[in-house]
């Protein structure tokens, strides 16, 4: 394969990677834990919803734990999709995804 063909292939791969990453970043991921729901977009938490009907005032410590679980659940879904879709571009390249 000549250099020009390799360069074109690399440019196409870069364009495909950017498109895939854009698609993932436009998607909203949801995490849940008991009475807490979290939305995550582009790897950032965008919303936290608490079902206050299920919560007593004495449950603040448990609420904090549920927030951590729900946020990690949404982040895990985002990371999993990023890895599964971007992995085809980064196979064999150490330190990426």
Protein backbone atom coordinates (compact mmCIF):
# COMPACT_ATOMS: atom_id res chain seq x y z
CA UNK A 1 0.00 0.00 0.00
CA UNK A 2 1.43 3.36 -0.93
CA UNK A 3 1.64 6.37 1.39
CA UNK A 4 -1.17 8.28 -0.28
CA UNK A 5 -3.59 5.36 0.11
CA UNK A 6 -2.57 4.95 3.77
CA UNK A 7 -3.14 8.67 4.38
CA UNK A 8 -6.61 8.51 2.80
CA UNK A 9 -7.47 5.46 4.90
CA UNK A 10 -6.30 7.23 8.08
CA UNK A 11 -8.33 10.34 7.23
CA UNK A 12 -11.45 8.24 6.60
CA UNK A 13 -10.94 6.41 9.90
CA UNK A 14 -10.55 9.72 11.74
CA UNK A 15 -13.75 11.06 10.15
CA UNK A 16 -15.63 7.87 11.07
CA UNK A 17 -14.34 8.05 14.65
CA UNK A 18 -15.47 11.66 15.03
CA UNK A 19 -18.93 10.83 13.64
CA UNK A 20 -19.31 7.86 15.99
CA UNK A 21 -18.20 9.89 18.99
CA UNK A 22 -20.65 12.65 18.05
CA UNK A 23 -23.48 10.10 17.83
CA UNK A 24 -22.66 8.75 21.29
CA UNK A 25 -22.37 12.24 22.78
CA UNK A 26 -25.82 13.17 21.41
CA UNK A 27 -27.38 10.17 23.15
CA UNK A 28 -28.82 10.38 26.68
CA UNK A 29 -28.01 7.61 29.17
CA UNK A 30 -30.15 6.87 32.23
CA UNK A 31 -29.08 5.39 35.54
CA UNK A 32 -31.39 4.27 38.32
CA UNK A 33 -31.06 3.25 41.93
CA UNK A 34 -34.17 2.77 44.09
CA UNK A 35 -35.79 6.23 44.20
CA UNK A 36 -33.06 8.11 42.30
CA UNK A 37 -32.84 8.60 38.52
CA UNK A 38 -29.92 10.24 36.73
CA UNK A 39 -29.52 11.44 33.15
CA UNK A 40 -26.11 11.67 31.56
CA UNK A 41 -25.18 13.21 28.20
CA UNK A 42 -21.71 13.47 26.68
CA UNK A 43 -20.30 11.91 29.85
CA UNK A 44 -21.79 14.58 32.13
CA UNK A 45 -24.70 14.38 34.56
CA UNK A 46 -27.49 16.59 33.20
CA UNK A 47 -30.34 15.73 35.56
CA UNK A 48 -31.01 14.09 38.91
CA UNK A 49 -34.58 13.14 39.88
CA UNK A 50 -35.56 12.03 43.38
CA UNK A 51 -38.86 10.32 44.15
CA UNK A 52 -39.57 12.31 47.30
CA UNK A 53 -42.75 10.33 47.99
CA UNK A 54 -40.51 7.37 48.86
CA UNK A 55 -38.08 9.36 51.01
CA UNK A 56 -38.19 10.09 54.73
CA UNK A 57 -36.22 13.05 56.04
CA UNK A 58 -34.00 10.63 57.97
CA UNK A 59 -32.83 8.93 54.79
CA UNK A 60 -30.34 11.58 53.59
CA UNK A 61 -27.30 9.31 53.99
CA UNK A 62 -29.03 6.57 52.03
CA UNK A 63 -30.00 9.16 49.39
CA UNK A 64 -26.37 10.15 48.99
CA UNK A 65 -25.44 6.50 48.44
CA UNK A 66 -28.28 6.04 45.92
CA UNK A 67 -27.09 9.10 43.98
CA UNK A 68 -23.61 7.62 43.71
CA UNK A 69 -25.03 4.29 42.49
CA UNK A 70 -27.33 5.95 39.92
CA UNK A 71 -24.61 8.27 38.59
CA UNK A 72 -22.17 5.38 38.29
CA UNK A 73 -24.85 3.30 36.53
CA UNK A 74 -25.42 6.01 33.89
CA UNK A 75 -21.68 6.64 33.50
CA UNK A 76 -21.06 2.89 33.10
CA UNK A 77 -23.62 2.75 30.27
CA UNK A 78 -21.97 5.73 28.56
CA UNK A 79 -18.49 4.21 28.94
CA UNK A 80 -19.70 0.83 27.66
CA UNK A 81 -21.22 2.34 24.53
CA UNK A 82 -18.16 4.52 23.92
CA UNK A 83 -15.88 1.48 24.24
CA UNK A 84 -18.04 -0.80 22.10
CA UNK A 85 -18.46 1.71 19.29
CA UNK A 86 -15.05 3.36 19.37
CA UNK A 87 -13.14 0.14 20.05
CA UNK A 88 -13.21 -0.85 16.38
CA UNK A 89 -11.12 2.23 15.62
CA UNK A 90 -8.71 1.93 18.52
CA UNK A 91 -7.92 -1.79 18.61
CA UNK A 92 -4.23 -2.26 19.20
CA UNK A 93 -3.61 1.38 20.17
CA UNK A 94 -2.59 1.43 23.84
CA UNK A 95 -4.02 4.07 26.16
CA UNK A 96 -7.12 4.92 24.10
CA UNK A 97 -10.54 4.02 25.57
